C-alpha atoms as a PDB file:
ATOM      1  CA  MET A   1     208.064 161.791 235.451  1.00  0.00           C
ATOM      2  CA  ASN A   2     208.249 161.836 238.345  1.00  0.00           C
ATOM      3  CA  ARG A   3     212.204 162.226 240.104  1.00  0.00           C
ATOM      4  CA  ILE A   4     211.954 158.677 241.630  1.00  0.00           C
ATOM      5  CA  SER A   5     212.600 157.313 238.193  1.00  0.00           C
ATOM      6  CA  LYS A   6     216.539 158.084 238.256  1.00  0.00           C
ATOM      7  CA  ASP A   7     216.469 154.998 240.374  1.00  0.00           C
ATOM      8  CA  SER A   8     216.053 151.840 237.655  1.00  0.00           C
ATOM      9  CA  ASN A   9     214.001 150.306 240.574  1.00  0.00           C
ATOM     10  CA  SER A  10     211.360 152.480 240.677  1.00  0.00           C
ATOM     11  CA  TYR A  11     207.748 151.366 240.299  1.00  0.00           C
ATOM     12  CA  TYR A  12     206.962 154.646 237.383  1.00  0.00           C
ATOM     13  CA  TRP A  13     209.192 152.978 235.169  1.00  0.00           C
ATOM     14  CA  GLU A  14     206.605 150.888 234.548  1.00  0.00           C
ATOM     15  CA  GLN A  15     203.809 152.862 233.231  1.00  0.00           C
ATOM     16  CA  SER A  16     206.774 155.396 231.678  1.00  0.00           C
ATOM     17  CA  ASN A  17     207.640 152.323 229.329  1.00  0.00           C
ATOM     18  CA  TYR A  18     204.207 151.701 228.489  1.00  0.00           C
ATOM     19  CA  GLY A  19     201.653 153.945 229.596  1.00  0.00           C
ATOM     20  CA  GLY A  20     197.750 152.802 230.842  1.00  0.00           C
ATOM     21  CA  ILE A  21     196.115 153.063 233.991  1.00  0.00           C
ATOM     22  CA  PHE A  22     198.218 153.518 236.733  1.00  0.00           C
ATOM     23  CA  THR A  23     197.724 154.499 240.606  1.00  0.00           C
ATOM     24  CA  ASP A  24     200.661 155.379 242.541  1.00  0.00           C
ATOM     25  CA  PRO A  25     201.542 153.886 245.464  1.00  0.00           C
ATOM     26  CA  LEU A  26     202.588 156.795 246.776  1.00  0.00           C
ATOM     27  CA  THR A  27     200.388 159.063 246.937  1.00  0.00           C
ATOM     28  CA  GLY A  28     196.983 156.578 245.873  1.00  0.00           C
ATOM     29  CA  VAL A  29     196.145 159.532 243.096  1.00  0.00           C
ATOM     30  CA  GLY A  30     195.297 157.500 239.593  1.00  0.00           C
ATOM     31  CA  SER A  31     196.459 158.249 236.357  1.00  0.00           C
ATOM     32  CA  ASP A  32     195.787 157.477 232.964  1.00  0.00           C
ATOM     33  CA  LYS A  33     199.206 158.003 231.082  1.00  0.00           C
ATOM     34  CA  ILE A  34     198.617 157.945 227.389  1.00  0.00           C
ATOM     35  CA  ASP A  35     202.406 159.573 226.124  1.00  0.00           C
ATOM     36  CA  CYS A  36     204.838 156.543 226.673  1.00  0.00           C
ATOM     37  CA  PHE A  37     208.993 155.530 225.835  1.00  0.00           C
ATOM     38  CA  ASN A  38     206.582 152.897 223.795  1.00  0.00           C
ATOM     39  CA  MET A  39     205.412 155.350 221.518  1.00  0.00           C
ATOM     40  CA  LYS A  40     207.966 157.398 221.349  1.00  0.00           C
ATOM     41  CA  LEU A  41     209.681 153.895 220.153  1.00  0.00           C
ATOM     42  CA  GLU A  42     207.421 153.306 217.473  1.00  0.00           C
ATOM     43  CA  LYS A  43     206.742 157.024 216.151  1.00  0.00           C
ATOM     44  CA  LEU A  44     210.960 157.090 215.998  1.00  0.00           C
ATOM     45  CA  ARG A  45     210.280 153.336 213.654  1.00  0.00           C
ATOM     46  CA  LYS A  46     207.770 155.261 211.689  1.00  0.00           C
ATOM     47  CA  ILE A  47     210.016 158.288 210.967  1.00  0.00           C
ATOM     48  CA  LYS A  48     213.135 155.444 209.835  1.00  0.00           C
ATOM     49  CA  ASP A  49     211.411 153.666 207.529  1.00  0.00           C
ATOM     50  CA  ILE A  50     210.570 157.001 205.819  1.00  0.00           C
ATOM     51  CA  ILE A  51     213.931 158.106 205.665  1.00  0.00           C
ATOM     52  CA  LYS A  52     215.709 157.566 202.112  1.00  0.00           C
ATOM     53  CA  ASP A  53     219.596 158.730 203.510  1.00  0.00           C
ATOM     54  CA  GLU A  54     220.916 155.161 204.423  1.00  0.00           C
ATOM     55  CA  GLU A  55     223.632 157.632 206.748  1.00  0.00           C
ATOM     56  CA  THR A  56     220.805 159.190 208.588  1.00  0.00           C
ATOM     57  CA  LYS A  57     218.443 156.090 209.018  1.00  0.00           C
ATOM     58  CA  LYS A  58     221.313 153.979 210.411  1.00  0.00           C
ATOM     59  CA  GLU A  59     221.414 157.152 213.162  1.00  0.00           C
ATOM     60  CA  PHE A  60     217.904 156.373 213.954  1.00  0.00           C
ATOM     61  CA  GLU A  61     218.412 152.677 214.131  1.00  0.00           C
ATOM     62  CA  ASN A  62     220.860 153.670 216.735  1.00  0.00           C
ATOM     63  CA  ILE A  63     218.311 156.072 218.784  1.00  0.00           C
ATOM     64  CA  ILE A  64     215.726 153.436 218.801  1.00  0.00           C
ATOM     65  CA  GLU A  65     218.308 150.594 219.664  1.00  0.00           C
ATOM     66  CA  LEU A  66     219.701 153.724 222.757  1.00  0.00           C
ATOM     67  CA  LEU A  67     215.903 153.891 223.162  1.00  0.00           C
ATOM     68  CA  GLN A  68     215.233 150.124 223.998  1.00  0.00           C
ATOM     69  CA  LYS A  69     218.216 149.306 225.939  1.00  0.00           C
ATOM     70  CA  SER A  70     217.008 152.498 227.913  1.00  0.00           C
ATOM     71  CA  MET A  71     213.655 151.406 228.457  1.00  0.00           C
ATOM     72  CA  ASP A  72     214.564 147.780 229.336  1.00  0.00           C
ATOM     73  CA  ASN A  73     217.498 148.898 231.374  1.00  0.00           C
ATOM     74  CA  TYR A  74     215.483 151.621 233.290  1.00  0.00           C
ATOM     75  CA  ASP A  75     218.362 153.613 232.474  1.00  0.00           C
ATOM     76  CA  LEU A  76     217.057 157.265 232.551  1.00  0.00           C
ATOM     77  CA  GLY A  77     219.968 159.065 231.369  1.00  0.00           C
ATOM     78  CA  GLY A  78     219.689 156.819 227.754  1.00  0.00           C
ATOM     79  CA  CYS A  79     215.541 157.920 227.888  1.00  0.00           C
ATOM     80  CA  PHE A  80     217.626 162.021 228.171  1.00  0.00           C
ATOM     81  CA  LYS A  81     220.453 161.056 225.591  1.00  0.00           C
ATOM     82  CA  VAL A  82     217.885 159.932 222.970  1.00  0.00           C
ATOM     83  CA  HIS A  83     215.685 163.307 224.286  1.00  0.00           C
ATOM     84  CA  GLU A  84     218.781 165.168 222.737  1.00  0.00           C
ATOM     85  CA  PHE A  85     219.011 163.586 219.430  1.00  0.00           C
ATOM     86  CA  ILE A  86     215.575 164.557 218.824  1.00  0.00           C
ATOM     87  CA  HIS A  87     216.141 168.009 219.950  1.00  0.00           C
ATOM     88  CA  ASP A  88     219.015 167.905 216.944  1.00  0.00           C
ATOM     89  CA  TYR A  89     217.252 166.846 214.203  1.00  0.00           C
ATOM     90  CA  ASP A  90     213.880 168.595 215.430  1.00  0.00           C
ATOM     91  CA  TYR A  91     215.240 172.230 215.906  1.00  0.00           C
ATOM     92  CA  PHE A  92     218.610 172.031 213.380  1.00  0.00           C
ATOM     93  CA  ALA A  93     218.006 169.587 210.701  1.00  0.00           C
ATOM     94  CA  ILE A  94     213.663 169.307 210.071  1.00  0.00           C
ATOM     95  CA  ASN A  95     212.618 172.923 211.558  1.00  0.00           C
ATOM     96  CA  TYR A  96     215.239 175.278 210.614  1.00  0.00           C
ATOM     97  CA  PRO A  97     214.483 177.813 211.766  1.00  0.00           C
ATOM     98  CA  ALA A  98     211.795 176.942 214.509  1.00  0.00           C
ATOM     99  CA  TYR A  99     208.687 178.346 213.182  1.00  0.00           C
ATOM    100  CA  PHE A 100     205.409 178.567 215.510  1.00  0.00           C
ATOM    101  CA  GLU A 101     202.318 180.343 213.972  1.00  0.00           C
ATOM    102  CA  ASP A 102     200.961 180.485 217.738  1.00  0.00           C
ATOM    103  CA  VAL A 103     202.768 180.930 220.748  1.00  0.00           C
ATOM    104  CA  PRO A 104     205.764 179.926 221.330  1.00  0.00           C
ATOM    105  CA  PRO A 105     206.104 176.689 223.470  1.00  0.00           C
ATOM    106  CA  PRO A 106     207.281 177.352 227.600  1.00  0.00           C
ATOM    107  CA  ASP A 107     210.613 175.875 226.602  1.00  0.00           C
ATOM    108  CA  TRP A 108     211.135 179.104 224.011  1.00  0.00           C
ATOM    109  CA  GLU A 109     214.602 179.622 224.762  1.00  0.00           C
ATOM    110  CA  GLY A 110     215.170 175.765 224.730  1.00  0.00           C
ATOM    111  CA  ILE A 111     215.934 175.586 221.094  1.00  0.00           C
ATOM    112  CA  ASN A 112     218.415 177.675 221.130  1.00  0.00           C
ATOM    113  CA  VAL A 113     220.348 174.573 222.935  1.00  0.00           C
ATOM    114  CA  TYR A 114     222.075 171.951 220.417  1.00  0.00           C
ATOM    115  CA  PHE A 115     223.671 169.056 221.350  1.00  0.00           C
ATOM    116  CA  GLY A 116     226.270 168.304 218.758  1.00  0.00           C
ATOM    117  CA  HIS A 117     224.660 164.830 217.435  1.00  0.00           C
ATOM    118  CA  LEU A 118     224.005 166.340 214.030  1.00  0.00           C
ATOM    119  CA  LYS A 119     226.456 165.261 211.368  1.00  0.00           C
ATOM    120  CA  PHE A 120     226.941 167.668 208.780  1.00  0.00           C
END
């Protein structure tokens, strides 16, 4: 996402939230963004629906609500907070310790970061 998305009035928000074909008004360059916050929201809802633990399910409901509010209010900080929750669940609850069969991701050192959002 472009740094201009820090501004809640940015014209990049619509594509970031919902994807689709987009022509950058500054550069005139077109793109077809498939991955967007709305797709993440749908994936989080599917995950929440299969969670059996009620406390974890409630946590995912809160994460989903935060992402929806962040999308509605064009709040990049809220989107980053959602990223922190997903990161903690991914690397410290679901896939711990992180293992990759192929080449490690470029942000390999980032998996050692714990944001402190899990309740143990």
